[in-house]
Amino acid sequence: MSSDTNIPRTAVPYGITDPVEAARAELKAALSAIEEKVNVPKQVGKATTKAKAYAERKPAVAFAAVVGIAVATGAIVWGIARSLSR
């Protein structure tokens, strides 16, 4: 197998002629792609980075979104508490 570091871990390198080596490369790429999707801390980190960048570009909209999420969460908690108290 070639050790080309320019391709991502989730890609299958071109030029593999051996079917067994090609299958191994495809399996390795598939497992790496699954690992990328399932890695929750990494996905949260990516989302946080995107949210911070958005908040720097449009702080008023980001503030409104945070307030909206807080109001929605409060309404849900209030609704659950009210339904449990009856």
PDB file of N, CA and C in Angstrom:
ATOM      1  N   MET A   1       0.841  -1.178   0.000  1.00  0.00           N
ATOM      2  CA  MET A   1       0.000   0.000   0.000  1.00  0.00           C
ATOM      3  C   MET A   1       0.883   1.237   0.000  1.00  0.00           C
ATOM      4  N   SER A   2       0.435   2.247  -0.690  1.00  0.00           N
ATOM      5  CA  SER A   2       1.209   3.484  -0.704  1.00  0.00           C
ATOM      6  C   SER A   2       0.867   4.312   0.517  1.00  0.00           C
ATOM      7  N   SER A   3       1.800   5.120   0.957  1.00  0.00           N
ATOM      8  CA  SER A   3       1.576   5.957   2.130  1.00  0.00           C
ATOM      9  C   SER A   3       1.453   7.413   1.697  1.00  0.00           C
ATOM     10  N   ASP A   4       0.497   7.682   0.796  1.00  0.00           N
ATOM     11  CA  ASP A   4       0.259   9.039   0.313  1.00  0.00           C
ATOM     12  C   ASP A   4      -0.500   9.808   1.387  1.00  0.00           C
ATOM     13  N   THR A   5       0.119  10.865   1.911  1.00  0.00           N
ATOM     14  CA  THR A   5      -0.494  11.614   3.006  1.00  0.00           C
ATOM     15  C   THR A   5      -1.352  12.767   2.522  1.00  0.00           C
ATOM     16  N   ASN A   6      -1.483  12.941   1.189  1.00  0.00           N
ATOM     17  CA  ASN A   6      -2.282  14.043   0.659  1.00  0.00           C
ATOM     18  C   ASN A   6      -3.765  13.721   0.572  1.00  0.00           C
ATOM     19  N   ILE A   7      -4.141  12.469   0.687  1.00  0.00           N
ATOM     20  CA  ILE A   7      -5.554  12.113   0.615  1.00  0.00           C
ATOM     21  C   ILE A   7      -6.116  11.952   2.022  1.00  0.00           C
ATOM     22  N   PRO A   8      -7.399  12.259   2.219  1.00  0.00           N
ATOM     23  CA  PRO A   8      -7.987  12.089   3.556  1.00  0.00           C
ATOM     24  C   PRO A   8      -8.092  10.614   3.941  1.00  0.00           C
ATOM     25  N   ARG A   9      -8.249  10.396   5.243  1.00  0.00           N
ATOM     26  CA  ARG A   9      -8.353   9.019   5.731  1.00  0.00           C
ATOM     27  C   ARG A   9      -9.594   8.319   5.209  1.00  0.00           C
ATOM     28  N   THR A  10     -10.625   9.077   4.875  1.00  0.00           N
ATOM     29  CA  THR A  10     -11.890   8.484   4.449  1.00  0.00           C
ATOM     30  C   THR A  10     -11.963   8.275   2.939  1.00  0.00           C
ATOM     31  N   ALA A  11     -10.860   8.457   2.215  1.00  0.00           N
ATOM     32  CA  ALA A  11     -10.837   8.274   0.765  1.00  0.00           C
ATOM     33  C   ALA A  11     -10.049   7.024   0.414  1.00  0.00           C
ATOM     34  N   VAL A  12     -10.420   6.428  -0.713  1.00  0.00           N
ATOM     35  CA  VAL A  12      -9.711   5.262  -1.219  1.00  0.00           C
ATOM     36  C   VAL A  12      -8.729   5.751  -2.279  1.00  0.00           C
ATOM     37  N   PRO A  13      -7.445   5.418  -2.141  1.00  0.00           N
ATOM     38  CA  PRO A  13      -6.469   5.882  -3.130  1.00  0.00           C
ATOM     39  C   PRO A  13      -6.709   5.259  -4.510  1.00  0.00           C
ATOM     40  N   TYR A  14      -6.377   6.018  -5.553  1.00  0.00           N
ATOM     41  CA  TYR A  14      -6.483   5.524  -6.927  1.00  0.00           C
ATOM     42  C   TYR A  14      -5.312   4.615  -7.252  1.00  0.00           C
ATOM     43  N   GLY A  15      -5.504   3.797  -8.260  1.00  0.00           N
ATOM     44  CA  GLY A  15      -4.413   2.998  -8.784  1.00  0.00           C
ATOM     45  C   GLY A  15      -4.194   1.664  -8.108  1.00  0.00           C
ATOM     46  N   ILE A  16      -5.088   1.253  -7.239  1.00  0.00           N
ATOM     47  CA  ILE A  16      -4.935  -0.056  -6.591  1.00  0.00           C
ATOM     48  C   ILE A  16      -5.494  -1.106  -7.553  1.00  0.00           C
ATOM     49  N   THR A  17      -4.643  -2.024  -7.978  1.00  0.00           N
ATOM     50  CA  THR A  17      -5.075  -3.047  -8.939  1.00  0.00           C
ATOM     51  C   THR A  17      -5.392  -4.373  -8.272  1.00  0.00           C
ATOM     52  N   ASP A  18      -4.783  -4.653  -7.155  1.00  0.00           N
ATOM     53  CA  ASP A  18      -5.034  -5.917  -6.448  1.00  0.00           C
ATOM     54  C   ASP A  18      -6.403  -5.845  -5.787  1.00  0.00           C
ATOM     55  N   PRO A  19      -7.313  -6.795  -6.067  1.00  0.00           N
ATOM     56  CA  PRO A  19      -8.664  -6.737  -5.495  1.00  0.00           C
ATOM     57  C   PRO A  19      -8.680  -6.839  -3.970  1.00  0.00           C
ATOM     58  N   VAL A  20      -7.780  -7.612  -3.409  1.00  0.00           N
ATOM     59  CA  VAL A  20      -7.730  -7.747  -1.953  1.00  0.00           C
ATOM     60  C   VAL A  20      -7.268  -6.435  -1.325  1.00  0.00           C
ATOM     61  N   GLU A  21      -6.247  -5.833  -1.901  1.00  0.00           N
ATOM     62  CA  GLU A  21      -5.756  -4.560  -1.387  1.00  0.00           C
ATOM     63  C   GLU A  21      -6.813  -3.470  -1.570  1.00  0.00           C
ATOM     64  N   ALA A  22      -7.544  -3.504  -2.673  1.00  0.00           N
ATOM     65  CA  ALA A  22      -8.612  -2.525  -2.908  1.00  0.00           C
ATOM     66  C   ALA A  22      -9.724  -2.693  -1.869  1.00  0.00           C
ATOM     67  N   ALA A  23     -10.079  -3.947  -1.575  1.00  0.00           N
ATOM     68  CA  ALA A  23     -11.122  -4.190  -0.575  1.00  0.00           C
ATOM     69  C   ALA A  23     -10.678  -3.713   0.799  1.00  0.00           C
ATOM     70  N   ARG A  24      -9.413  -3.949   1.119  1.00  0.00           N
ATOM     71  CA  ARG A  24      -8.902  -3.477   2.414  1.00  0.00           C
ATOM     72  C   ARG A  24      -8.921  -1.951   2.486  1.00  0.00           C
ATOM     73  N   ALA A  25      -8.527  -1.310   1.405  1.00  0.00           N
ATOM     74  CA  ALA A  25      -8.526   0.154   1.376  1.00  0.00           C
ATOM     75  C   ALA A  25      -9.951   0.705   1.511  1.00  0.00           C
ATOM     76  N   GLU A  26     -10.911   0.071   0.834  1.00  0.00           N
ATOM     77  CA  GLU A  26     -12.308   0.503   0.932  1.00  0.00           C
ATOM     78  C   GLU A  26     -12.839   0.295   2.346  1.00  0.00           C
ATOM     79  N   LEU A  27     -12.506  -0.839   2.965  1.00  0.00           N
ATOM     80  CA  LEU A  27     -12.946  -1.099   4.332  1.00  0.00           C
ATOM     81  C   LEU A  27     -12.338  -0.097   5.302  1.00  0.00           C
ATOM     82  N   LYS A  28     -11.050   0.184   5.127  1.00  0.00           N
ATOM     83  CA  LYS A  28     -10.375   1.159   5.988  1.00  0.00           C
ATOM     84  C   LYS A  28     -11.023   2.534   5.840  1.00  0.00           C
ATOM     85  N   ALA A  29     -11.327   2.931   4.608  1.00  0.00           N
ATOM     86  CA  ALA A  29     -11.958   4.227   4.370  1.00  0.00           C
ATOM     87  C   ALA A  29     -13.370   4.269   4.969  1.00  0.00           C
ATOM     88  N   ALA A  30     -14.115   3.181   4.823  1.00  0.00           N
ATOM     89  CA  ALA A  30     -15.469   3.133   5.372  1.00  0.00           C
ATOM     90  C   ALA A  30     -15.449   3.209   6.902  1.00  0.00           C
ATOM     91  N   LEU A  31     -14.539   2.472   7.521  1.00  0.00           N
ATOM     92  CA  LEU A  31     -14.438   2.510   8.979  1.00  0.00           C
ATOM     93  C   LEU A  31     -14.003   3.884   9.475  1.00  0.00           C
ATOM     94  N   SER A  32     -13.119   4.533   8.745  1.00  0.00           N
ATOM     95  CA  SER A  32     -12.694   5.888   9.116  1.00  0.00           C
ATOM     96  C   SER A  32     -13.854   6.870   8.990  1.00  0.00           C
ATOM     97  N   ALA A  33     -14.669   6.717   7.941  1.00  0.00           N
ATOM     98  CA  ALA A  33     -15.826   7.591   7.763  1.00  0.00           C
ATOM     99  C   ALA A  33     -16.841   7.392   8.888  1.00  0.00           C
ATOM    100  N   ILE A  34     -17.056   6.143   9.280  1.00  0.00           N
ATOM    101  CA  ILE A  34     -17.969   5.864  10.396  1.00  0.00           C
ATOM    102  C   ILE A  34     -17.425   6.472  11.677  1.00  0.00           C
ATOM    103  N   GLU A  35     -16.129   6.323  11.900  1.00  0.00           N
ATOM    104  CA  GLU A  35     -15.504   6.887  13.095  1.00  0.00           C
ATOM    105  C   GLU A  35     -15.662   8.408  13.127  1.00  0.00           C
ATOM    106  N   GLU A  36     -15.520   9.057  11.980  1.00  0.00           N
ATOM    107  CA  GLU A  36     -15.686  10.511  11.906  1.00  0.00           C
ATOM    108  C   GLU A  36     -17.106  10.913  12.290  1.00  0.00           C
ATOM    109  N   LYS A  37     -18.101  10.176  11.817  1.00  0.00           N
ATOM    110  CA  LYS A  37     -19.505  10.518  12.085  1.00  0.00           C
ATOM    111  C   LYS A  37     -19.895  10.238  13.525  1.00  0.00           C
ATOM    112  N   VAL A  38     -19.346   9.178  14.118  1.00  0.00           N
ATOM    113  CA  VAL A  38     -19.759   8.746  15.447  1.00  0.00           C
ATOM    114  C   VAL A  38     -18.994   9.472  16.552  1.00  0.00           C
ATOM    115  N   ASN A  39     -17.894  10.107  16.220  1.00  0.00           N
ATOM    116  CA  ASN A  39     -17.071  10.788  17.213  1.00  0.00           C
ATOM    117  C   ASN A  39     -17.790  12.063  17.680  1.00  0.00           C
ATOM    118  N   VAL A  40     -18.615  11.925  18.714  1.00  0.00           N
ATOM    119  CA  VAL A  40     -19.466  13.028  19.183  1.00  0.00           C
ATOM    120  C   VAL A  40     -18.640  14.231  19.666  1.00  0.00           C
ATOM    121  N   PRO A  41     -17.597  14.056  20.460  1.00  0.00           N
ATOM    122  CA  PRO A  41     -16.835  15.233  20.878  1.00  0.00           C
ATOM    123  C   PRO A  41     -16.259  16.017  19.706  1.00  0.00           C
ATOM    124  N   LYS A  42     -15.805  15.321  18.688  1.00  0.00           N
ATOM    125  CA  LYS A  42     -15.257  15.998  17.514  1.00  0.00           C
ATOM    126  C   LYS A  42     -16.361  16.754  16.769  1.00  0.00           C
ATOM    127  N   GLN A  43     -17.550  16.138  16.644  1.00  0.00           N
ATOM    128  CA  GLN A  43     -18.665  16.797  15.962  1.00  0.00           C
ATOM    129  C   GLN A  43     -19.138  18.023  16.750  1.00  0.00           C
ATOM    130  N   VAL A  44     -19.160  17.917  18.075  1.00  0.00           N
ATOM    131  CA  VAL A  44     -19.539  19.060  18.904  1.00  0.00           C
ATOM    132  C   VAL A  44     -18.517  20.180  18.758  1.00  0.00           C
ATOM    133  N   GLY A  45     -17.257  19.807  18.690  1.00  0.00           N
ATOM    134  CA  GLY A  45     -16.206  20.804  18.490  1.00  0.00           C
ATOM    135  C   GLY A  45     -16.354  21.536  17.162  1.00  0.00           C
ATOM    136  N   LYS A  46     -16.679  20.790  16.101  1.00  0.00           N
ATOM    137  CA  LYS A  46     -16.894  21.411  14.794  1.00  0.00           C
ATOM    138  C   LYS A  46     -18.096  22.356  14.844  1.00  0.00           C
ATOM    139  N   ALA A  47     -19.186  21.906  15.466  1.00  0.00           N
ATOM    140  CA  ALA A  47     -20.388  22.737  15.555  1.00  0.00           C
ATOM    141  C   ALA A  47     -20.122  23.987  16.385  1.00  0.00           C
ATOM    142  N   THR A  48     -19.362  23.845  17.460  1.00  0.00           N
ATOM    143  CA  THR A  48     -19.035  24.994  18.303  1.00  0.00           C
ATOM    144  C   THR A  48     -18.199  26.011  17.535  1.00  0.00           C
ATOM    145  N   THR A  49     -17.239  25.517  16.766  1.00  0.00           N
ATOM    146  CA  THR A  49     -16.401  26.410  15.960  1.00  0.00           C
ATOM    147  C   THR A  49     -17.245  27.169  14.943  1.00  0.00           C
ATOM    148  N   LYS A  50     -18.174  26.460  14.300  1.00  0.00           N
ATOM    149  CA  LYS A  50     -19.050  27.119  13.324  1.00  0.00           C
ATOM    150  C   LYS A  50     -19.953  28.137  14.002  1.00  0.00           C
ATOM    151  N   ALA A  51     -20.486  27.797  15.178  1.00  0.00           N
ATOM    152  CA  ALA A  51     -21.368  28.721  15.898  1.00  0.00           C
ATOM    153  C   ALA A  51     -20.609  29.971  16.345  1.00  0.00           C
ATOM    154  N   LYS A  52     -19.378  29.792  16.799  1.00  0.00           N
ATOM    155  CA  LYS A  52     -18.571  30.950  17.211  1.00  0.00           C
ATOM    156  C   LYS A  52     -18.289  31.866  16.026  1.00  0.00           C
ATOM    157  N   ALA A  53     -17.954  31.281  14.893  1.00  0.00           N
ATOM    158  CA  ALA A  53     -17.684  32.086  13.698  1.00  0.00           C
ATOM    159  C   ALA A  53     -18.933  32.835  13.267  1.00  0.00           C
ATOM    160  N   TYR A  54     -20.079  32.173  13.324  1.00  0.00           N
ATOM    161  CA  TYR A  54     -21.342  32.824  12.964  1.00  0.00           C
ATOM    162  C   TYR A  54     -21.668  33.952  13.941  1.00  0.00           C
ATOM    163  N   ALA A  55     -21.437  33.712  15.225  1.00  0.00           N
ATOM    164  CA  ALA A  55     -21.726  34.728  16.237  1.00  0.00           C
ATOM    165  C   ALA A  55     -20.826  35.948  16.074  1.00  0.00           C
ATOM    166  N   GLU A  56     -19.604  35.731  15.593  1.00  0.00           N
ATOM    167  CA  GLU A  56     -18.711  36.869  15.352  1.00  0.00           C
ATOM    168  C   GLU A  56     -19.169  37.685  14.148  1.00  0.00           C
ATOM    169  N   ARG A  57     -19.737  36.997  13.137  1.00  0.00           N
ATOM    170  CA  ARG A  57     -20.216  37.707  11.945  1.00  0.00           C
ATOM    171  C   ARG A  57     -21.534  38.417  12.206  1.00  0.00           C
ATOM    172  N   LYS A  58     -22.448  37.764  12.921  1.00  0.00           N
ATOM    173  CA  LYS A  58     -23.795  38.303  13.146  1.00  0.00           C
ATOM    174  C   LYS A  58     -24.172  38.138  14.617  1.00  0.00           C
ATOM    175  N   PRO A  59     -23.662  39.002  15.489  1.00  0.00           N
ATOM    176  CA  PRO A  59     -23.913  38.824  16.927  1.00  0.00           C
ATOM    177  C   PRO A  59     -25.377  39.002  17.312  1.00  0.00           C
ATOM    178  N   ALA A  60     -26.105  39.885  16.666  1.00  0.00           N
ATOM    179  CA  ALA A  60     -27.510  40.100  17.029  1.00  0.00           C
ATOM    180  C   ALA A  60     -28.354  38.867  16.723  1.00  0.00           C
ATOM    181  N   VAL A  61     -28.110  38.259  15.581  1.00  0.00           N
ATOM    182  CA  VAL A  61     -28.860  37.058  15.214  1.00  0.00           C
ATOM    183  C   VAL A  61     -28.503  35.905  16.150  1.00  0.00           C
ATOM    184  N   ALA A  62     -27.234  35.790  16.498  1.00  0.00           N
ATOM    185  CA  ALA A  62     -26.808  34.730  17.410  1.00  0.00           C
ATOM    186  C   ALA A  62     -27.438  34.924  18.784  1.00  0.00           C
ATOM    187  N   PHE A  63     -27.488  36.171  19.253  1.00  0.00           N
ATOM    188  CA  PHE A  63     -28.116  36.455  20.543  1.00  0.00           C
ATOM    189  C   PHE A  63     -29.599  36.106  20.506  1.00  0.00           C
ATOM    190  N   ALA A  64     -30.272  36.470  19.425  1.00  0.00           N
ATOM    191  CA  ALA A  64     -31.691  36.145  19.288  1.00  0.00           C
ATOM    192  C   ALA A  64     -31.913  34.628  19.269  1.00  0.00           C
ATOM    193  N   ALA A  65     -31.011  33.897  18.627  1.00  0.00           N
ATOM    194  CA  ALA A  65     -31.133  32.437  18.592  1.00  0.00           C
ATOM    195  C   ALA A  65     -30.958  31.840  19.985  1.00  0.00           C
ATOM    196  N   VAL A  66     -30.003  32.357  20.746  1.00  0.00           N
ATOM    197  CA  VAL A  66     -29.782  31.856  22.107  1.00  0.00           C
ATOM    198  C   VAL A  66     -30.995  32.149  22.977  1.00  0.00           C
ATOM    199  N   VAL A  67     -31.536  33.344  22.871  1.00  0.00           N
ATOM    200  CA  VAL A  67     -32.725  33.702  23.649  1.00  0.00           C
ATOM    201  C   VAL A  67     -33.903  32.825  23.237  1.00  0.00           C
ATOM    202  N   GLY A  68     -34.064  32.597  21.946  1.00  0.00           N
ATOM    203  CA  GLY A  68     -35.151  31.736  21.473  1.00  0.00           C
ATOM    204  C   GLY A  68     -35.039  30.315  21.981  1.00  0.00           C
ATOM    205  N   ILE A  69     -33.822  29.783  21.973  1.00  0.00           N
ATOM    206  CA  ILE A  69     -33.608  28.425  22.484  1.00  0.00           C
ATOM    207  C   ILE A  69     -33.899  28.370  23.984  1.00  0.00           C
ATOM    208  N   ALA A  70     -33.483  29.407  24.716  1.00  0.00           N
ATOM    209  CA  ALA A  70     -33.734  29.439  26.163  1.00  0.00           C
ATOM    210  C   ALA A  70     -35.232  29.507  26.444  1.00  0.00           C
ATOM    211  N   VAL A  71     -35.965  30.318  25.692  1.00  0.00           N
ATOM    212  CA  VAL A  71     -37.417  30.431  25.883  1.00  0.00           C
ATOM    213  C   VAL A  71     -38.098  29.109  25.550  1.00  0.00           C
ATOM    214  N   ALA A  72     -37.699  28.478  24.457  1.00  0.00           N
ATOM    215  CA  ALA A  72     -38.298  27.196  24.084  1.00  0.00           C
ATOM    216  C   ALA A  72     -38.015  26.130  25.135  1.00  0.00           C
ATOM    217  N   THR A  73     -36.784  26.090  25.644  1.00  0.00           N
ATOM    218  CA  THR A  73     -36.442  25.118  26.686  1.00  0.00           C
ATOM    219  C   THR A  73     -37.253  25.378  27.950  1.00  0.00           C
ATOM    220  N   GLY A  74     -37.357  26.634  28.327  1.00  0.00           N
ATOM    221  CA  GLY A  74     -38.161  26.976  29.502  1.00  0.00           C
ATOM    222  C   GLY A  74     -39.618  26.591  29.335  1.00  0.00           C
ATOM    223  N   ALA A  75     -40.171  26.818  28.151  1.00  0.00           N
ATOM    224  CA  ALA A  75     -41.576  26.457  27.899  1.00  0.00           C
ATOM    225  C   ALA A  75     -41.775  24.946  27.975  1.00  0.00           C
ATOM    226  N   ILE A  76     -40.826  24.203  27.454  1.00  0.00           N
ATOM    227  CA  ILE A  76     -40.937  22.738  27.515  1.00  0.00           C
ATOM    228  C   ILE A  76     -40.866  22.252  28.952  1.00  0.00           C
ATOM    229  N   VAL A  77     -39.911  22.768  29.722  1.00  0.00           N
ATOM    230  CA  VAL A  77     -39.781  22.370  31.129  1.00  0.00           C
ATOM    231  C   VAL A  77     -41.026  22.772  31.903  1.00  0.00           C
ATOM    232  N   TRP A  78     -41.530  23.973  31.656  1.00  0.00           N
ATOM    233  CA  TRP A  78     -42.748  24.433  32.341  1.00  0.00           C
ATOM    234  C   TRP A  78     -43.929  23.529  31.986  1.00  0.00           C
ATOM    235  N   GLY A  79     -44.040  23.159  30.705  1.00  0.00           N
ATOM    236  CA  GLY A  79     -45.135  22.279  30.286  1.00  0.00           C
ATOM    237  C   GLY A  79     -45.056  20.910  30.926  1.00  0.00           C
ATOM    238  N   ILE A  80     -43.864  20.368  31.012  1.00  0.00           N
ATOM    239  CA  ILE A  80     -43.697  19.053  31.646  1.00  0.00           C
ATOM    240  C   ILE A  80     -44.020  19.147  33.133  1.00  0.00           C
ATOM    241  N   ALA A  81     -43.508  20.184  33.802  1.00  0.00           N
ATOM    242  CA  ALA A  81     -43.771  20.345  35.235  1.00  0.00           C
ATOM    243  C   ALA A  81     -45.255  20.534  35.496  1.00  0.00           C
ATOM    244  N   ARG A  82     -45.932  21.283  34.648  1.00  0.00           N
ATOM    245  CA  ARG A  82     -47.361  21.519  34.833  1.00  0.00           C
ATOM    246  C   ARG A  82     -48.151  20.246  34.621  1.00  0.00           C
ATOM    247  N   SER A  83     -47.777  19.453  33.589  1.00  0.00           N
ATOM    248  CA  SER A  83     -48.520  18.214  33.342  1.00  0.00           C
ATOM    249  C   SER A  83     -48.265  17.176  34.451  1.00  0.00           C
ATOM    250  N   LEU A  84     -47.085  17.198  35.039  1.00  0.00           N
ATOM    251  CA  LEU A  84     -46.799  16.259  36.141  1.00  0.00           C
ATOM    252  C   LEU A  84     -47.495  16.669  37.444  1.00  0.00           C
ATOM    253  N   SER A  85     -47.729  17.950  37.619  1.00  0.00           N
ATOM    254  CA  SER A  85     -48.346  18.409  38.867  1.00  0.00           C
ATOM    255  C   SER A  85     -49.855  18.238  38.868  1.00  0.00           C
ATOM    256  N   ARG A  86     -50.453  17.921  37.751  1.00  0.00           N
ATOM    257  CA  ARG A  86     -51.912  17.730  37.705  1.00  0.00           C
ATOM    258  C   ARG A  86     -52.310  16.347  38.061  1.00  0.00           C
TER     259      ARG A  86
END
